Amino acid sequence: MKQKIVLATGNRGKVKEMADVLADFGFEVIAQTDLGIESPEETGLTFVENAILKARYAAKVSGLPAIADDSGLVVAALNGEPGLYSARYAGVDGDEADALNRRKLLRNMADIADEHRRAKFVSCIVLLRHATDPSPIIAEGECSGVIIREEKGDNGFGYDSLFFSPEKGCTFAELETVEKKKISHRARALAVLKQKLST
């Protein structure tokens, strides 16, 4: 019988991604929203801290092992912005957030020279065996790129249409979803998680 593990999200895409990886290790992934669990306030100052906060809260409320991920876009020339606030950079939630976040990013980078527009997507995944687990499994992944000056591509979401991948020669929004998933920050973090679970 598989061990149930709660994923600190309601995002179905994340549930499927995590389920695919964790199934090999005897876990059945359940979204926290399916258990009526709300997300806690993200008060951490790093991706790792926020992922631990979310996982610990889900584990405490559910009584199950828990897994959480925190991720975002980090722009060196903006001292790491939007960073932890990537999803709500423009101060709004919902359907309009992505477009407003991209506009704010372009405004804030308008005077930044091309050679200083480096950025990276960061993903941190944390797995806790129980709510008081003192040594969580932590897996991180990064994907480096450059923030371009105007949007390109119709695929993806978030900042994908502004994030140019030198590795692929196009923006994330110009990549097919399957191709993006192979090189994304979350894919890399999941690969690290898989390796750590294997050992």
Protein backbone atom coordinates (compact mmCIF):
# COMPACT_ATOMS: atom_id res chain seq x y z
CA MET A 1 0.00 0.00 0.00
CA LYS A 2 1.30 3.45 -0.93
CA GLN A 3 2.20 6.04 1.73
CA LYS A 4 0.09 9.19 1.33
CA ILE A 5 1.93 12.49 1.15
CA VAL A 6 0.29 15.91 1.08
CA LEU A 7 1.49 18.48 -1.45
CA ALA A 8 1.23 22.06 -0.17
CA THR A 9 -0.54 23.43 -3.25
CA GLY A 10 -3.82 23.35 -5.10
CA ASN A 11 -2.09 23.60 -8.47
CA ARG A 12 -3.04 20.49 -10.49
CA GLY A 13 0.03 20.79 -12.73
CA LYS A 14 2.33 20.63 -9.72
CA VAL A 15 0.37 17.71 -8.28
CA LYS A 16 0.87 15.72 -11.48
CA GLU A 17 4.57 16.60 -11.71
CA MET A 18 5.22 15.57 -8.11
CA ALA A 19 3.04 12.47 -8.39
CA ASP A 20 5.05 11.24 -11.38
CA VAL A 21 8.32 11.50 -9.44
CA LEU A 22 7.10 10.28 -6.04
CA ALA A 23 5.14 7.28 -7.34
CA ASP A 24 8.46 5.50 -7.93
CA PHE A 25 9.18 5.78 -4.20
CA GLY A 26 5.84 4.45 -2.95
CA PHE A 27 4.08 7.78 -2.36
CA GLU A 28 0.53 8.75 -3.32
CA VAL A 29 0.34 12.55 -3.69
CA ILE A 30 -2.71 14.43 -2.40
CA ALA A 31 -3.19 18.18 -2.89
CA GLN A 32 -3.70 20.08 0.36
CA THR A 33 -6.83 21.68 -1.09
CA ASP A 34 -8.38 18.20 -1.34
CA LEU A 35 -8.00 17.99 2.44
CA GLY A 36 -9.40 21.48 3.02
CA ILE A 37 -6.02 22.87 4.06
CA GLU A 38 -5.33 26.56 3.36
CA SER A 39 -1.86 27.92 2.65
CA PRO A 40 -0.04 29.60 5.56
CA GLU A 41 1.37 33.11 5.33
CA GLU A 42 4.75 33.00 3.59
CA THR A 43 6.94 34.93 6.02
CA GLY A 44 10.31 33.41 5.08
CA LEU A 45 13.13 35.46 3.59
CA THR A 46 14.33 32.72 1.23
CA PHE A 47 12.73 30.15 -1.08
CA VAL A 48 13.94 27.40 1.29
CA GLU A 49 12.30 29.02 4.33
CA ASN A 50 8.97 29.48 2.55
CA ALA A 51 8.97 25.90 1.23
CA ILE A 52 9.66 24.60 4.76
CA LEU A 53 6.90 26.81 6.21
CA LYS A 54 4.37 25.47 3.70
CA ALA A 55 5.40 21.83 4.10
CA ARG A 56 5.48 22.02 7.91
CA TYR A 57 2.02 23.56 8.06
CA ALA A 58 0.55 20.95 5.68
CA ALA A 59 2.18 18.13 7.67
CA LYS A 60 0.93 19.53 10.98
CA VAL A 61 -2.68 19.94 9.84
CA SER A 62 -2.89 16.68 7.88
CA GLY A 63 -0.78 14.41 10.10
CA LEU A 64 0.89 13.15 6.90
CA PRO A 65 4.35 13.58 5.38
CA ALA A 66 4.35 16.76 3.27
CA ILE A 67 6.09 18.26 0.29
CA ALA A 68 6.16 21.88 -0.83
CA ASP A 69 7.87 23.97 -3.43
CA ASP A 70 8.65 27.68 -3.56
CA SER A 71 9.93 29.24 -6.71
CA GLY A 72 10.41 32.52 -8.50
CA LEU A 73 12.39 34.74 -10.82
CA VAL A 74 15.59 36.35 -9.53
CA VAL A 75 17.07 39.32 -11.43
CA ALA A 76 20.60 40.26 -10.37
CA ALA A 77 20.35 43.92 -11.47
CA LEU A 78 17.24 44.37 -9.32
CA ASN A 79 18.89 42.96 -6.17
CA GLY A 80 17.05 39.70 -6.62
CA GLU A 81 13.58 41.06 -7.41
CA PRO A 82 10.91 39.90 -8.00
CA GLY A 83 12.24 36.90 -6.04
CA LEU A 84 9.92 35.68 -3.28
CA TYR A 85 7.22 38.02 -4.57
CA SER A 86 7.31 36.80 -8.18
CA ALA A 87 3.65 35.74 -8.24
CA ARG A 88 2.43 39.01 -6.70
CA TYR A 89 5.13 41.44 -7.86
CA ALA A 90 2.57 44.00 -9.06
CA GLY A 91 0.54 43.59 -5.87
CA VAL A 92 -2.41 41.69 -7.34
CA ASP A 93 -3.64 38.10 -7.51
CA GLY A 94 -5.78 36.33 -10.05
CA ASP A 95 -5.95 36.25 -13.84
CA GLU A 96 -4.48 39.71 -14.39
CA ALA A 97 -1.43 39.15 -12.17
CA ASP A 98 0.91 37.63 -14.79
CA ALA A 99 0.51 40.47 -17.31
CA LEU A 100 0.83 43.16 -14.63
CA ASN A 101 3.91 41.47 -13.14
CA ARG A 102 5.59 41.40 -16.56
CA ARG A 103 4.79 45.06 -17.17
CA LYS A 104 6.24 46.06 -13.80
CA LEU A 105 9.39 44.02 -14.48
CA LEU A 106 9.87 45.71 -17.88
CA ARG A 107 9.36 49.15 -16.32
CA ASN A 108 11.88 48.45 -13.55
CA MET A 109 14.43 47.19 -16.09
CA ALA A 110 13.90 49.85 -18.75
CA ASP A 111 17.24 51.58 -18.09
CA ILE A 112 19.28 48.41 -17.52
CA ALA A 113 21.82 47.69 -20.28
CA ASP A 114 21.56 44.43 -22.20
CA GLU A 115 24.74 43.00 -20.68
CA HIS A 116 23.28 43.39 -17.16
CA ARG A 117 19.90 41.72 -17.74
CA ARG A 118 20.86 38.27 -16.43
CA ALA A 119 18.22 36.38 -14.47
CA LYS A 120 17.44 32.93 -13.17
CA PHE A 121 14.37 30.93 -12.28
CA VAL A 122 14.81 29.19 -8.92
CA SER A 123 12.83 26.26 -7.48
CA CYS A 124 13.19 24.83 -3.99
CA ILE A 125 11.38 21.62 -3.05
CA VAL A 126 11.19 20.45 0.56
CA LEU A 127 9.99 17.07 1.82
CA LEU A 128 9.16 16.57 5.50
CA ARG A 129 8.58 13.10 6.91
CA HIS A 130 6.43 14.61 9.71
CA ALA A 131 5.56 18.06 11.11
CA THR A 132 8.55 18.24 13.46
CA ASP A 133 11.10 16.71 11.06
CA PRO A 134 14.43 18.45 11.93
CA SER A 135 16.21 17.35 8.75
CA PRO A 136 13.99 17.93 5.73
CA ILE A 137 15.03 16.71 2.30
CA ILE A 138 15.82 19.87 0.31
CA ALA A 139 16.19 19.90 -3.48
CA GLU A 140 16.96 23.03 -5.48
CA GLY A 141 17.07 23.74 -9.20
CA GLU A 142 17.99 26.79 -11.25
CA CYS A 143 17.66 27.84 -14.87
CA SER A 144 19.72 30.79 -16.16
CA GLY A 145 18.63 33.28 -18.78
CA VAL A 146 18.26 36.91 -19.79
CA ILE A 147 15.29 39.29 -19.48
CA ILE A 148 14.49 40.65 -22.95
CA ARG A 149 12.88 44.02 -23.67
CA GLU A 150 9.57 42.84 -25.14
CA GLU A 151 7.45 39.73 -24.85
CA LYS A 152 7.94 36.84 -27.27
CA GLY A 153 5.94 33.61 -27.50
CA ASP A 154 2.46 32.46 -26.55
CA ASN A 155 3.17 29.32 -24.52
CA GLY A 156 3.91 29.20 -20.83
CA PHE A 157 2.83 31.60 -18.10
CA GLY A 158 4.29 34.01 -15.56
CA TYR A 159 7.50 35.57 -16.86
CA ASP A 160 8.11 32.96 -19.60
CA SER A 161 7.60 35.40 -22.49
CA LEU A 162 10.38 37.67 -21.12
CA PHE A 163 12.83 34.94 -20.09
CA PHE A 164 15.26 34.19 -22.92
CA SER A 165 17.15 30.91 -22.62
CA PRO A 166 20.63 31.07 -24.25
CA GLU A 167 20.65 27.27 -24.05
CA LYS A 168 17.59 27.05 -26.33
CA GLY A 169 17.97 30.32 -28.28
CA CYS A 170 14.42 31.46 -27.51
CA THR A 171 12.14 32.48 -24.66
CA PHE A 172 10.46 29.92 -22.43
CA ALA A 173 7.14 31.00 -23.98
CA GLU A 174 8.43 29.99 -27.43
CA LEU A 175 9.24 26.46 -26.27
CA GLU A 176 6.83 23.55 -26.46
CA THR A 177 5.61 22.62 -22.96
CA VAL A 178 7.31 19.21 -23.10
CA GLU A 179 10.63 20.83 -24.04
CA LYS A 180 10.37 23.48 -21.32
CA LYS A 181 9.64 20.84 -18.67
CA LYS A 182 12.93 19.12 -19.50
CA ILE A 183 15.07 22.17 -18.69
CA SER A 184 12.97 24.16 -16.22
CA HIS A 185 14.08 25.03 -12.69
CA ARG A 186 11.36 22.78 -11.26
CA ALA A 187 12.41 19.87 -13.48
CA ARG A 188 15.97 20.28 -12.22
CA ALA A 189 14.83 20.44 -8.59
CA LEU A 190 12.70 17.33 -9.11
CA ALA A 191 15.73 15.52 -10.58
CA VAL A 192 17.73 16.40 -7.45
CA LEU A 193 14.84 15.24 -5.25
CA LYS A 194 14.67 11.94 -7.12
CA GLN A 195 18.42 11.44 -6.68
CA LYS A 196 18.22 12.20 -2.94
CA LEU A 197 15.27 9.84 -2.44
CA SER A 198 17.16 7.11 -4.30
CA THR A 199 20.11 7.36 -1.92
